[in-house]
């Protein structure tokens, strides 16, 4: 019988995936900070589902409550502030986002977000690592504001 502090292979694999995902998210957060952009991590955007975005780039608000108050009071400006970023891991290793049920659930999430007015930008970890994710946002998205 394994000791209480030992984890089985499934638990170990799950922890490794979580750490890898956090690595890319921490790297992306650092890139946002370097640009001086304000953001919120793990933003729960849906009123009834537990769906979260990895990042919401706000350029003004640093907490979920302040952003939600702004969106309620100025809905005509909401489209200017509703930018979300998802860092997609496991794209080359048949991770959750590329397998049938995970992909279908992501479609539900992203379609609901679009219906609510969110602009969601999805980047695989490699684009975070080589800097092309932040470059895309800088050149193609925020240069237009």
Protein backbone atom coordinates (compact mmCIF):
# COMPACT_ATOMS: atom_id res chain seq x y z
CA UNK A 1 0.00 0.00 0.00
CA UNK A 2 1.48 3.42 -0.98
CA UNK A 3 2.28 5.96 1.70
CA UNK A 4 -0.16 8.83 2.26
CA UNK A 5 2.23 11.36 0.73
CA UNK A 6 2.79 9.36 -2.48
CA UNK A 7 0.68 10.11 -5.52
CA UNK A 8 -0.38 7.71 -8.20
CA UNK A 9 0.58 8.13 -11.85
CA UNK A 10 -2.71 9.80 -12.79
CA UNK A 11 -2.33 12.39 -10.01
CA UNK A 12 1.30 12.97 -11.00
CA UNK A 13 0.39 13.43 -14.68
CA UNK A 14 -2.40 15.85 -13.75
CA UNK A 15 -0.01 17.90 -11.61
CA UNK A 16 2.58 17.99 -14.41
CA UNK A 17 -0.03 19.28 -16.88
CA UNK A 18 -1.16 21.95 -14.42
CA UNK A 19 2.41 23.13 -13.88
CA UNK A 20 3.06 23.24 -17.64
CA UNK A 21 -0.13 25.26 -18.19
CA UNK A 22 0.80 27.66 -15.41
CA UNK A 23 4.27 28.09 -16.92
CA UNK A 24 2.79 29.46 -20.15
CA UNK A 25 0.26 31.61 -18.32
CA UNK A 26 2.96 33.09 -16.07
CA UNK A 27 5.09 33.78 -19.14
CA UNK A 28 2.17 35.50 -20.89
CA UNK A 29 1.36 37.55 -17.76
CA UNK A 30 4.96 38.73 -17.76
CA UNK A 31 4.68 39.76 -21.41
CA UNK A 32 1.50 41.74 -20.64
CA UNK A 33 3.21 43.44 -17.70
CA UNK A 34 6.19 44.35 -19.87
CA UNK A 35 3.80 46.14 -22.23
CA UNK A 36 2.15 47.88 -19.26
CA UNK A 37 -1.23 46.33 -20.04
CA UNK A 38 -3.72 45.76 -17.23
CA UNK A 39 -5.32 42.33 -17.04
CA UNK A 40 -7.37 40.01 -14.88
CA UNK A 41 -6.46 36.32 -14.57
CA UNK A 42 -9.06 33.54 -14.41
CA UNK A 43 -12.01 35.84 -15.15
CA UNK A 44 -15.39 34.11 -14.76
CA UNK A 45 -17.36 35.62 -17.62
CA UNK A 46 -20.58 33.62 -17.68
CA UNK A 47 -23.39 34.31 -15.19
CA UNK A 48 -24.44 30.67 -14.68
CA UNK A 49 -21.54 28.51 -15.87
CA UNK A 50 -18.15 28.24 -14.18
CA UNK A 51 -16.37 29.10 -17.41
CA UNK A 52 -13.31 31.29 -17.03
CA UNK A 53 -10.94 33.02 -19.39
CA UNK A 54 -7.24 32.67 -18.73
CA UNK A 55 -6.88 36.44 -19.19
CA UNK A 56 -9.07 39.45 -19.75
CA UNK A 57 -7.06 42.41 -21.00
CA UNK A 58 -8.66 45.52 -19.58
CA UNK A 59 -6.04 48.25 -19.88
CA UNK A 60 -7.87 49.97 -17.05
CA UNK A 61 -9.38 47.63 -14.49
CA UNK A 62 -7.44 45.18 -12.36
CA UNK A 63 -10.25 43.30 -10.67
CA UNK A 64 -13.37 41.51 -11.81
CA UNK A 65 -15.83 43.57 -9.74
CA UNK A 66 -14.64 46.92 -11.11
CA UNK A 67 -14.78 45.65 -14.69
CA UNK A 68 -18.30 44.27 -14.22
CA UNK A 69 -19.52 47.57 -12.73
CA UNK A 70 -18.11 49.42 -15.74
CA UNK A 71 -19.72 47.00 -18.23
CA UNK A 72 -23.10 47.37 -16.46
CA UNK A 73 -22.97 51.17 -16.42
CA UNK A 74 -21.61 51.68 -19.91
CA UNK A 75 -22.80 48.80 -22.10
CA UNK A 76 -22.26 50.88 -25.26
CA UNK A 77 -18.52 50.85 -24.45
CA UNK A 78 -18.39 47.18 -23.54
CA UNK A 79 -17.08 46.03 -26.92
CA UNK A 80 -14.01 48.21 -26.41
CA UNK A 81 -13.11 46.35 -23.22
CA UNK A 82 -14.20 42.76 -23.80
CA UNK A 83 -10.93 41.12 -24.88
CA UNK A 84 -10.14 37.65 -23.60
CA UNK A 85 -7.11 35.43 -24.13
CA UNK A 86 -6.95 31.67 -23.82
CA UNK A 87 -3.62 29.88 -23.71
CA UNK A 88 -4.21 26.46 -25.24
CA UNK A 89 -1.90 23.73 -24.03
CA UNK A 90 -1.47 20.21 -25.30
CA UNK A 91 -2.03 21.09 -28.94
CA UNK A 92 0.67 18.65 -30.10
CA UNK A 93 0.16 15.97 -27.46
CA UNK A 94 -3.55 15.28 -27.94
CA UNK A 95 -4.36 17.38 -24.91
CA UNK A 96 -7.83 18.24 -23.68
CA UNK A 97 -8.39 21.02 -26.21
CA UNK A 98 -7.75 18.80 -29.24
CA UNK A 99 -9.71 15.68 -28.25
CA UNK A 100 -13.39 15.25 -29.07
CA UNK A 101 -15.17 16.04 -25.80
CA UNK A 102 -12.73 18.76 -24.74
CA UNK A 103 -12.91 20.41 -28.14
CA UNK A 104 -16.73 20.29 -28.09
CA UNK A 105 -16.83 21.85 -24.62
CA UNK A 106 -14.44 24.59 -25.76
CA UNK A 107 -16.79 25.28 -28.71
CA UNK A 108 -19.70 25.72 -26.30
CA UNK A 109 -17.64 28.08 -24.13
CA UNK A 110 -16.30 30.20 -26.99
CA UNK A 111 -19.66 30.38 -28.75
CA UNK A 112 -21.34 31.54 -25.52
CA UNK A 113 -18.60 34.14 -25.08
CA UNK A 114 -19.07 35.42 -28.64
CA UNK A 115 -22.83 35.63 -28.14
CA UNK A 116 -22.16 37.78 -25.05
CA UNK A 117 -19.93 40.15 -27.06
CA UNK A 118 -16.50 38.86 -26.04
CA UNK A 119 -13.60 38.79 -28.48
CA UNK A 120 -11.59 35.71 -27.58
CA UNK A 121 -8.06 35.24 -28.84
CA UNK A 122 -6.63 31.74 -28.58
CA UNK A 123 -2.92 31.02 -28.62
CA UNK A 124 -1.03 27.74 -28.30
CA UNK A 125 1.84 27.68 -25.83
CA UNK A 126 4.41 27.94 -28.63
CA UNK A 127 3.08 31.35 -29.65
CA UNK A 128 3.46 32.55 -26.07
CA UNK A 129 6.99 31.18 -25.89
CA UNK A 130 8.17 32.77 -29.16
CA UNK A 131 6.42 36.09 -28.44
CA UNK A 132 4.11 35.96 -31.45
CA UNK A 133 0.95 35.95 -29.28
CA UNK A 134 1.74 39.28 -27.62
CA UNK A 135 3.02 40.66 -30.94
CA UNK A 136 -0.26 39.76 -32.64
CA UNK A 137 -2.28 41.52 -29.95
CA UNK A 138 -0.05 44.58 -30.07
CA UNK A 139 0.01 44.91 -33.86
CA UNK A 140 -3.38 43.59 -34.94
CA UNK A 141 -5.74 44.30 -32.06
CA UNK A 142 -4.67 47.14 -29.82
CA UNK A 143 -3.11 49.27 -32.53
CA UNK A 144 -6.67 49.87 -33.74
CA UNK A 145 -7.85 51.50 -30.53
